[in-house]
Amino acid sequence: MPQALFYPWIDIEDERWLKASLLYWDSVRTIVPESIDAPYSTEIGKELASAGFLVPLRVMSGM
């Protein structure tokens, strides 16, 4: 299952890149501090997160 890690931002604002990533990976993960409840603010980001494609990789300090 190929996955990608998107870095350095949490929210992916480049909608074209995000849609193109659907062709190559099963999911895209973003590094998200555990204190952020809703990491994605764009409509496409929220839709892909609810579909399980855009996945937050929860981290806490000291990891």
N, C-alpha and C. Protein backbone atom coordinates (compact mmCIF):
# COMPACT_ATOMS: atom_id res chain seq x y z
N MET A 1 0.84 -1.17 0.00
CA MET A 1 0.00 0.00 0.00
C MET A 1 0.89 1.24 0.00
N PRO A 2 1.08 1.88 -1.13
CA PRO A 2 1.94 3.06 -1.19
C PRO A 2 1.29 4.26 -0.50
N GLN A 3 2.06 4.87 0.38
CA GLN A 3 1.63 6.07 1.08
C GLN A 3 2.65 7.17 0.87
N ALA A 4 2.19 8.40 0.97
CA ALA A 4 3.08 9.55 0.86
C ALA A 4 3.01 10.34 2.16
N LEU A 5 4.11 11.01 2.48
CA LEU A 5 4.14 11.91 3.62
C LEU A 5 4.33 13.31 3.09
N PHE A 6 3.36 14.18 3.34
CA PHE A 6 3.42 15.56 2.88
C PHE A 6 4.02 16.40 3.99
N TYR A 7 5.04 17.18 3.66
CA TYR A 7 5.76 17.99 4.63
C TYR A 7 6.20 19.26 3.95
N PRO A 8 6.21 20.40 4.54
CA PRO A 8 6.21 20.77 5.95
C PRO A 8 4.89 21.33 6.45
N TRP A 9 3.85 21.41 5.64
CA TRP A 9 2.58 21.98 6.11
C TRP A 9 1.60 20.90 6.44
N ILE A 10 0.64 21.24 7.31
CA ILE A 10 -0.41 20.29 7.70
C ILE A 10 -1.50 20.27 6.63
N ASP A 11 -2.00 21.45 6.31
CA ASP A 11 -3.09 21.57 5.35
C ASP A 11 -2.50 21.71 3.94
N ILE A 12 -2.99 20.94 3.01
CA ILE A 12 -2.49 20.99 1.64
C ILE A 12 -3.39 21.93 0.85
N GLU A 13 -2.87 23.09 0.51
CA GLU A 13 -3.68 24.10 -0.18
C GLU A 13 -3.62 23.98 -1.70
N ASP A 14 -2.65 23.26 -2.23
CA ASP A 14 -2.55 23.08 -3.68
C ASP A 14 -3.50 21.97 -4.12
N GLU A 15 -4.69 22.37 -4.51
CA GLU A 15 -5.73 21.42 -4.87
C GLU A 15 -5.33 20.54 -6.05
N ARG A 16 -4.62 21.10 -7.02
CA ARG A 16 -4.18 20.32 -8.18
C ARG A 16 -3.22 19.22 -7.77
N TRP A 17 -2.28 19.53 -6.89
CA TRP A 17 -1.33 18.52 -6.43
C TRP A 17 -2.06 17.43 -5.67
N LEU A 18 -2.99 17.84 -4.82
CA LEU A 18 -3.73 16.87 -4.01
C LEU A 18 -4.54 15.93 -4.89
N LYS A 19 -5.20 16.46 -5.90
CA LYS A 19 -5.97 15.61 -6.82
C LYS A 19 -5.06 14.69 -7.63
N ALA A 20 -3.91 15.19 -8.06
CA ALA A 20 -2.97 14.36 -8.81
C ALA A 20 -2.40 13.25 -7.93
N SER A 21 -2.26 13.50 -6.65
CA SER A 21 -1.71 12.48 -5.75
C SER A 21 -2.64 11.26 -5.65
N LEU A 22 -3.92 11.45 -5.94
CA LEU A 22 -4.86 10.33 -5.94
C LEU A 22 -4.46 9.27 -6.96
N LEU A 23 -3.76 9.69 -8.01
CA LEU A 23 -3.35 8.76 -9.06
C LEU A 23 -2.18 7.87 -8.65
N TYR A 24 -1.38 8.33 -7.68
CA TYR A 24 -0.13 7.66 -7.36
C TYR A 24 -0.10 6.94 -6.02
N TRP A 25 -0.84 7.43 -5.04
CA TRP A 25 -0.76 6.86 -3.70
C TRP A 25 -2.11 6.43 -3.18
N ASP A 26 -2.07 5.48 -2.25
CA ASP A 26 -3.30 5.03 -1.59
C ASP A 26 -3.74 6.02 -0.53
N SER A 27 -2.77 6.72 0.06
CA SER A 27 -3.09 7.75 1.04
C SER A 27 -1.93 8.74 1.14
N VAL A 28 -2.26 9.92 1.64
CA VAL A 28 -1.26 10.94 1.92
C VAL A 28 -1.38 11.28 3.39
N ARG A 29 -0.27 11.24 4.10
CA ARG A 29 -0.26 11.56 5.53
C ARG A 29 0.40 12.91 5.73
N THR A 30 -0.08 13.64 6.72
CA THR A 30 0.53 14.91 7.11
C THR A 30 0.83 14.85 8.60
N ILE A 31 1.94 15.45 9.00
CA ILE A 31 2.33 15.46 10.41
C ILE A 31 1.49 16.52 11.12
N VAL A 32 0.75 16.08 12.15
CA VAL A 32 -0.18 16.95 12.85
C VAL A 32 0.05 16.84 14.36
N PRO A 33 0.32 17.96 15.04
CA PRO A 33 0.42 17.91 16.50
C PRO A 33 -0.89 17.44 17.11
N GLU A 34 -0.80 16.68 18.19
CA GLU A 34 -2.00 16.11 18.81
C GLU A 34 -2.96 17.18 19.32
N SER A 35 -2.49 18.40 19.52
CA SER A 35 -3.34 19.47 20.03
C SER A 35 -4.28 20.07 18.97
N ILE A 36 -4.07 19.74 17.71
CA ILE A 36 -4.92 20.27 16.63
C ILE A 36 -6.02 19.25 16.33
N ASP A 37 -7.26 19.65 16.60
CA ASP A 37 -8.39 18.74 16.42
C ASP A 37 -8.81 18.59 14.96
N ALA A 38 -8.88 19.71 14.24
CA ALA A 38 -9.32 19.70 12.84
C ALA A 38 -8.18 20.23 11.97
N PRO A 39 -7.32 19.35 11.47
CA PRO A 39 -6.13 19.81 10.76
C PRO A 39 -6.37 20.34 9.35
N TYR A 40 -7.47 19.99 8.73
CA TYR A 40 -7.69 20.36 7.34
C TYR A 40 -8.80 21.39 7.23
N SER A 41 -8.50 22.50 6.56
CA SER A 41 -9.48 23.60 6.48
C SER A 41 -10.09 23.76 5.09
N THR A 42 -9.44 23.23 4.06
CA THR A 42 -9.99 23.37 2.71
C THR A 42 -11.10 22.34 2.51
N GLU A 43 -12.00 22.64 1.61
CA GLU A 43 -13.12 21.73 1.35
C GLU A 43 -12.62 20.39 0.80
N ILE A 44 -11.69 20.44 -0.15
CA ILE A 44 -11.15 19.19 -0.72
C ILE A 44 -10.39 18.40 0.34
N GLY A 45 -9.68 19.10 1.21
CA GLY A 45 -8.95 18.43 2.29
C GLY A 45 -9.89 17.71 3.24
N LYS A 46 -10.98 18.37 3.60
CA LYS A 46 -11.97 17.75 4.48
C LYS A 46 -12.63 16.55 3.81
N GLU A 47 -12.95 16.67 2.54
CA GLU A 47 -13.58 15.56 1.81
C GLU A 47 -12.65 14.35 1.72
N LEU A 48 -11.38 14.60 1.38
CA LEU A 48 -10.43 13.50 1.25
C LEU A 48 -10.08 12.89 2.60
N ALA A 49 -10.12 13.68 3.65
CA ALA A 49 -9.89 13.15 5.00
C ALA A 49 -11.05 12.23 5.41
N SER A 50 -12.27 12.65 5.12
CA SER A 50 -13.43 11.81 5.47
C SER A 50 -13.46 10.53 4.63
N ALA A 51 -12.86 10.57 3.43
CA ALA A 51 -12.79 9.38 2.58
C ALA A 51 -11.63 8.46 2.98
N GLY A 52 -10.76 8.92 3.89
CA GLY A 52 -9.64 8.10 4.34
C GLY A 52 -8.40 8.24 3.49
N PHE A 53 -8.39 9.16 2.54
CA PHE A 53 -7.21 9.36 1.70
C PHE A 53 -6.20 10.28 2.36
N LEU A 54 -6.65 11.36 2.94
CA LEU A 54 -5.79 12.32 3.63
C LEU A 54 -5.84 11.97 5.12
N VAL A 55 -4.69 11.56 5.67
CA VAL A 55 -4.65 11.00 7.02
C VAL A 55 -3.67 11.78 7.89
N PRO A 56 -4.13 12.29 9.05
CA PRO A 56 -3.20 12.97 9.95
C PRO A 56 -2.33 11.96 10.70
N LEU A 57 -1.04 12.21 10.72
CA LEU A 57 -0.11 11.41 11.51
C LEU A 57 0.10 12.17 12.80
N ARG A 58 -0.58 11.77 13.85
CA ARG A 58 -0.58 12.50 15.12
C ARG A 58 0.76 12.33 15.85
N VAL A 59 1.32 13.45 16.27
CA VAL A 59 2.57 13.43 17.01
C VAL A 59 2.43 14.30 18.26
N MET A 60 3.26 14.01 19.24
CA MET A 60 3.31 14.84 20.43
C MET A 60 4.76 15.18 20.74
N SER A 61 4.97 16.23 21.50
CA SER A 61 6.33 16.60 21.81
C SER A 61 7.02 15.46 22.56
N GLY A 62 8.26 15.27 22.27
CA GLY A 62 9.02 14.20 22.89
C GLY A 62 9.05 12.92 22.09
N MET A 63 8.36 12.89 20.97
CA MET A 63 8.37 11.67 20.15
C MET A 63 9.65 11.58 19.36
